[in-house]
Amino acid sequence: MKKSHRPQTKVKNPEPNQKSSNWVIWAAWADRITFEDIKKVTGMSEGDVIKIMRKNLKPSSFRLWRKRAKGQSIKHRKKFEVLRKEIRRKIKKSDYI
């Protein structure tokens, strides 16, 4: 077999097994995975995810994650869709200016 000249990209934090609680923690930290997506895969609500994060993270890490998850509109699908519509409107307006 011929060896490729392309470098292999290694992921710093590869995705863990979806059946483990590590996946829930990984998905909660991920920017593009919403709480709704986590619920589809695991059946856990946002409150359950918060409990897992509180239990498994250091207090300072939990506070950082909570601040980040509250401030991000992309962790909730409805807020994410509204944000995308606003961005599209701004792009369309700026194209014609």
N, C-alpha and C. Protein backbone atom coordinates (compact mmCIF):
# COMPACT_ATOMS: atom_id res chain seq x y z
N MET A 1 0.84 -1.16 0.00
CA MET A 1 0.00 0.00 0.00
C MET A 1 0.89 1.24 0.00
N LYS A 2 0.51 2.21 -0.83
CA LYS A 2 1.28 3.43 -0.97
C LYS A 2 0.99 4.39 0.18
N LYS A 3 2.03 4.96 0.71
CA LYS A 3 1.88 5.89 1.83
C LYS A 3 1.52 7.28 1.31
N SER A 4 0.59 7.92 1.95
CA SER A 4 0.13 9.23 1.54
C SER A 4 1.11 10.30 1.98
N HIS A 5 1.21 11.36 1.20
CA HIS A 5 2.07 12.49 1.54
C HIS A 5 1.33 13.52 2.40
N ARG A 6 0.03 13.32 2.56
CA ARG A 6 -0.76 14.25 3.36
C ARG A 6 -0.57 13.94 4.84
N PRO A 7 -0.40 14.97 5.64
CA PRO A 7 -0.25 14.71 7.09
C PRO A 7 -1.58 14.28 7.70
N GLN A 8 -1.50 13.41 8.68
CA GLN A 8 -2.70 12.99 9.38
C GLN A 8 -3.04 14.00 10.46
N THR A 9 -4.29 14.39 10.50
CA THR A 9 -4.74 15.32 11.52
C THR A 9 -5.20 14.54 12.73
N LYS A 10 -4.63 14.87 13.86
CA LYS A 10 -5.03 14.23 15.10
C LYS A 10 -5.91 15.18 15.88
N VAL A 11 -6.99 14.67 16.38
CA VAL A 11 -7.93 15.48 17.15
C VAL A 11 -7.47 15.53 18.60
N LYS A 12 -7.44 16.73 19.15
CA LYS A 12 -6.98 16.88 20.52
C LYS A 12 -7.91 16.18 21.50
N ASN A 13 -9.21 16.38 21.33
CA ASN A 13 -10.20 15.76 22.19
C ASN A 13 -11.15 14.94 21.34
N PRO A 14 -10.80 13.68 21.05
CA PRO A 14 -11.67 12.86 20.20
C PRO A 14 -13.01 12.59 20.89
N GLU A 15 -14.01 12.32 20.08
CA GLU A 15 -15.35 12.07 20.61
C GLU A 15 -15.39 10.74 21.35
N PRO A 16 -15.80 10.73 22.63
CA PRO A 16 -15.90 9.48 23.38
C PRO A 16 -17.13 8.68 22.97
N ASN A 17 -17.25 7.49 23.53
CA ASN A 17 -18.40 6.63 23.27
C ASN A 17 -19.68 7.32 23.73
N GLN A 18 -20.74 7.28 22.90
CA GLN A 18 -21.97 8.00 23.21
C GLN A 18 -22.73 7.43 24.40
N LYS A 19 -22.42 6.23 24.82
CA LYS A 19 -23.13 5.63 25.94
C LYS A 19 -22.53 6.03 27.30
N SER A 20 -21.40 6.69 27.29
CA SER A 20 -20.74 7.05 28.55
C SER A 20 -21.10 8.47 28.98
N SER A 21 -20.90 8.74 30.27
CA SER A 21 -21.14 10.10 30.76
C SER A 21 -20.06 11.05 30.23
N ASN A 22 -18.92 10.51 29.82
CA ASN A 22 -17.89 11.35 29.22
C ASN A 22 -18.38 12.01 27.94
N TRP A 23 -19.24 11.30 27.20
CA TRP A 23 -19.78 11.89 25.97
C TRP A 23 -20.65 13.09 26.31
N VAL A 24 -21.44 12.99 27.37
CA VAL A 24 -22.31 14.10 27.77
C VAL A 24 -21.46 15.32 28.11
N ILE A 25 -20.39 15.11 28.85
CA ILE A 25 -19.49 16.21 29.21
C ILE A 25 -18.84 16.79 27.96
N TRP A 26 -18.38 15.92 27.08
CA TRP A 26 -17.75 16.36 25.83
C TRP A 26 -18.75 17.16 24.98
N ALA A 27 -19.97 16.67 24.87
CA ALA A 27 -20.99 17.34 24.06
C ALA A 27 -21.41 18.67 24.69
N ALA A 28 -21.46 18.73 26.01
CA ALA A 28 -21.84 19.97 26.69
C ALA A 28 -20.79 21.05 26.46
N TRP A 29 -19.52 20.68 26.38
CA TRP A 29 -18.46 21.66 26.12
C TRP A 29 -18.42 22.05 24.65
N ALA A 30 -18.89 21.18 23.76
CA ALA A 30 -18.83 21.46 22.32
C ALA A 30 -19.76 22.61 21.97
N ASP A 31 -19.29 23.51 21.13
CA ASP A 31 -20.07 24.69 20.77
C ASP A 31 -21.26 24.37 19.88
N ARG A 32 -21.12 23.45 18.98
CA ARG A 32 -22.16 23.21 17.98
C ARG A 32 -23.14 22.10 18.34
N ILE A 33 -23.05 21.56 19.54
CA ILE A 33 -23.99 20.53 19.96
C ILE A 33 -24.95 21.17 20.96
N THR A 34 -26.23 21.22 20.58
CA THR A 34 -27.22 21.87 21.42
C THR A 34 -27.73 20.91 22.50
N PHE A 35 -28.41 21.47 23.49
CA PHE A 35 -29.00 20.63 24.52
C PHE A 35 -30.06 19.71 23.93
N GLU A 36 -30.72 20.17 22.87
CA GLU A 36 -31.73 19.34 22.21
C GLU A 36 -31.07 18.11 21.56
N ASP A 37 -29.89 18.31 20.97
CA ASP A 37 -29.16 17.18 20.37
C ASP A 37 -28.73 16.18 21.43
N ILE A 38 -28.29 16.69 22.58
CA ILE A 38 -27.89 15.81 23.68
C ILE A 38 -29.08 15.00 24.16
N LYS A 39 -30.25 15.65 24.22
CA LYS A 39 -31.46 14.94 24.65
C LYS A 39 -31.85 13.84 23.67
N LYS A 40 -31.68 14.11 22.36
CA LYS A 40 -32.00 13.08 21.34
C LYS A 40 -31.12 11.85 21.50
N VAL A 41 -29.85 12.07 21.78
CA VAL A 41 -28.89 10.96 21.85
C VAL A 41 -29.01 10.21 23.17
N THR A 42 -29.08 10.96 24.28
CA THR A 42 -29.02 10.32 25.60
C THR A 42 -30.35 10.28 26.34
N GLY A 43 -31.27 11.15 25.97
CA GLY A 43 -32.53 11.24 26.69
C GLY A 43 -32.45 12.12 27.93
N MET A 44 -31.32 12.80 28.12
CA MET A 44 -31.12 13.65 29.30
C MET A 44 -31.54 15.08 28.99
N SER A 45 -32.25 15.68 29.92
CA SER A 45 -32.67 17.07 29.75
C SER A 45 -31.50 18.00 30.10
N GLU A 46 -31.72 19.29 29.89
CA GLU A 46 -30.68 20.26 30.21
C GLU A 46 -30.34 20.22 31.69
N GLY A 47 -31.34 20.04 32.54
CA GLY A 47 -31.10 19.95 33.98
C GLY A 47 -30.25 18.75 34.35
N ASP A 48 -30.49 17.61 33.68
CA ASP A 48 -29.67 16.42 33.93
C ASP A 48 -28.22 16.65 33.51
N VAL A 49 -28.04 17.34 32.39
CA VAL A 49 -26.68 17.65 31.92
C VAL A 49 -25.99 18.56 32.91
N ILE A 50 -26.71 19.54 33.44
CA ILE A 50 -26.12 20.45 34.43
C ILE A 50 -25.69 19.68 35.67
N LYS A 51 -26.52 18.73 36.12
CA LYS A 51 -26.17 17.92 37.29
C LYS A 51 -24.91 17.10 37.04
N ILE A 52 -24.79 16.50 35.85
CA ILE A 52 -23.60 15.71 35.51
C ILE A 52 -22.37 16.60 35.49
N MET A 53 -22.50 17.78 34.89
CA MET A 53 -21.37 18.70 34.81
C MET A 53 -20.95 19.16 36.21
N ARG A 54 -21.93 19.47 37.06
CA ARG A 54 -21.62 19.92 38.42
C ARG A 54 -20.89 18.82 39.21
N LYS A 55 -21.32 17.57 38.99
CA LYS A 55 -20.75 16.44 39.72
C LYS A 55 -19.32 16.11 39.25
N ASN A 56 -19.06 16.24 37.95
CA ASN A 56 -17.80 15.76 37.39
C ASN A 56 -16.74 16.83 37.17
N LEU A 57 -17.11 18.10 37.20
CA LEU A 57 -16.13 19.16 36.98
C LEU A 57 -15.72 19.80 38.30
N LYS A 58 -14.54 20.40 38.28
CA LYS A 58 -14.12 21.20 39.43
C LYS A 58 -15.05 22.41 39.51
N PRO A 59 -15.24 22.96 40.70
CA PRO A 59 -16.17 24.10 40.84
C PRO A 59 -15.86 25.26 39.89
N SER A 60 -14.59 25.59 39.74
CA SER A 60 -14.24 26.71 38.86
C SER A 60 -14.53 26.37 37.39
N SER A 61 -14.28 25.12 37.00
CA SER A 61 -14.57 24.69 35.63
C SER A 61 -16.07 24.69 35.37
N PHE A 62 -16.84 24.27 36.37
CA PHE A 62 -18.29 24.28 36.21
C PHE A 62 -18.81 25.70 36.03
N ARG A 63 -18.28 26.64 36.83
CA ARG A 63 -18.72 28.03 36.71
C ARG A 63 -18.38 28.59 35.33
N LEU A 64 -17.19 28.28 34.82
CA LEU A 64 -16.81 28.73 33.48
C LEU A 64 -17.74 28.15 32.42
N TRP A 65 -18.03 26.85 32.53
CA TRP A 65 -18.92 26.21 31.56
C TRP A 65 -20.32 26.80 31.63
N ARG A 66 -20.82 27.02 32.83
CA ARG A 66 -22.17 27.55 33.01
C ARG A 66 -22.28 28.94 32.41
N LYS A 67 -21.28 29.77 32.65
CA LYS A 67 -21.26 31.12 32.10
C LYS A 67 -21.23 31.05 30.57
N ARG A 68 -20.44 30.14 30.05
CA ARG A 68 -20.33 29.98 28.61
C ARG A 68 -21.63 29.45 28.00
N ALA A 69 -22.24 28.46 28.65
CA ALA A 69 -23.47 27.86 28.12
C ALA A 69 -24.64 28.85 28.19
N LYS A 70 -24.69 29.66 29.22
CA LYS A 70 -25.77 30.66 29.32
C LYS A 70 -25.60 31.76 28.30
N GLY A 71 -24.37 32.18 28.09
CA GLY A 71 -24.09 33.29 27.19
C GLY A 71 -24.16 32.94 25.72
N GLN A 72 -24.07 31.67 25.40
CA GLN A 72 -24.08 31.26 24.00
C GLN A 72 -25.49 31.01 23.53
N SER A 73 -25.83 31.60 22.43
CA SER A 73 -27.15 31.35 21.89
C SER A 73 -27.19 30.03 21.13
N ILE A 74 -26.05 29.44 20.85
CA ILE A 74 -26.05 28.22 20.04
C ILE A 74 -26.28 26.95 20.85
N LYS A 75 -26.29 27.04 22.18
CA LYS A 75 -26.56 25.84 22.97
C LYS A 75 -28.05 25.51 23.00
N HIS A 76 -28.89 26.45 22.57
CA HIS A 76 -30.32 26.22 22.47
C HIS A 76 -30.73 26.42 21.01
N ARG A 77 -31.40 25.45 20.45
CA ARG A 77 -31.72 25.47 19.02
C ARG A 77 -32.51 26.71 18.62
N LYS A 78 -33.53 27.11 19.38
CA LYS A 78 -34.35 28.26 19.01
C LYS A 78 -33.52 29.54 18.97
N LYS A 79 -32.68 29.75 19.98
CA LYS A 79 -31.84 30.94 20.01
C LYS A 79 -30.85 30.91 18.86
N PHE A 80 -30.34 29.73 18.54
CA PHE A 80 -29.37 29.58 17.46
C PHE A 80 -30.02 29.96 16.12
N GLU A 81 -31.25 29.50 15.89
CA GLU A 81 -31.93 29.80 14.63
C GLU A 81 -32.21 31.29 14.50
N VAL A 82 -32.59 31.95 15.59
CA VAL A 82 -32.83 33.39 15.55
C VAL A 82 -31.54 34.13 15.23
N LEU A 83 -30.45 33.73 15.85
CA LEU A 83 -29.15 34.36 15.60
C LEU A 83 -28.74 34.20 14.14
N ARG A 84 -28.94 33.00 13.57
CA ARG A 84 -28.59 32.76 12.17
C ARG A 84 -29.39 33.66 11.24
N LYS A 85 -30.69 33.85 11.53
CA LYS A 85 -31.53 34.72 10.69
C LYS A 85 -31.03 36.15 10.74
N GLU A 86 -30.64 36.62 11.93
CA GLU A 86 -30.12 37.99 12.07
C GLU A 86 -28.84 38.16 11.26
N ILE A 87 -27.98 37.18 11.32
CA ILE A 87 -26.71 37.26 10.59
C ILE A 87 -26.98 37.28 9.09
N ARG A 88 -27.90 36.44 8.62
CA ARG A 88 -28.23 36.42 7.19
C ARG A 88 -28.77 37.78 6.74
N ARG A 89 -29.64 38.40 7.57
CA ARG A 89 -30.19 39.71 7.22
C ARG A 89 -29.08 40.74 7.11
N LYS A 90 -28.13 40.72 8.04
CA LYS A 90 -27.03 41.68 8.01
C LYS A 90 -26.17 41.47 6.78
N ILE A 91 -25.94 40.22 6.41
CA ILE A 91 -25.12 39.93 5.23
C ILE A 91 -25.83 40.42 3.98
N LYS A 92 -27.13 40.18 3.88
CA LYS A 92 -27.88 40.61 2.70
C LYS A 92 -27.88 42.12 2.58
N LYS A 93 -28.04 42.84 3.70
CA LYS A 93 -28.04 44.30 3.67
C LYS A 93 -26.67 44.83 3.28
N SER A 94 -25.62 44.24 3.78
CA SER A 94 -24.27 44.73 3.49
C SER A 94 -23.86 44.45 2.06
N ASP A 95 -24.46 43.46 1.40
CA ASP A 95 -24.14 43.17 0.00
C ASP A 95 -24.59 44.28 -0.92
N TYR A 96 -25.65 44.98 -0.54
CA TYR A 96 -26.23 46.01 -1.40
C TYR A 96 -25.78 47.42 -1.06
N ILE A 97 -24.99 47.56 -0.03
CA ILE A 97 -24.53 48.90 0.38
C ILE A 97 -23.31 49.29 -0.41
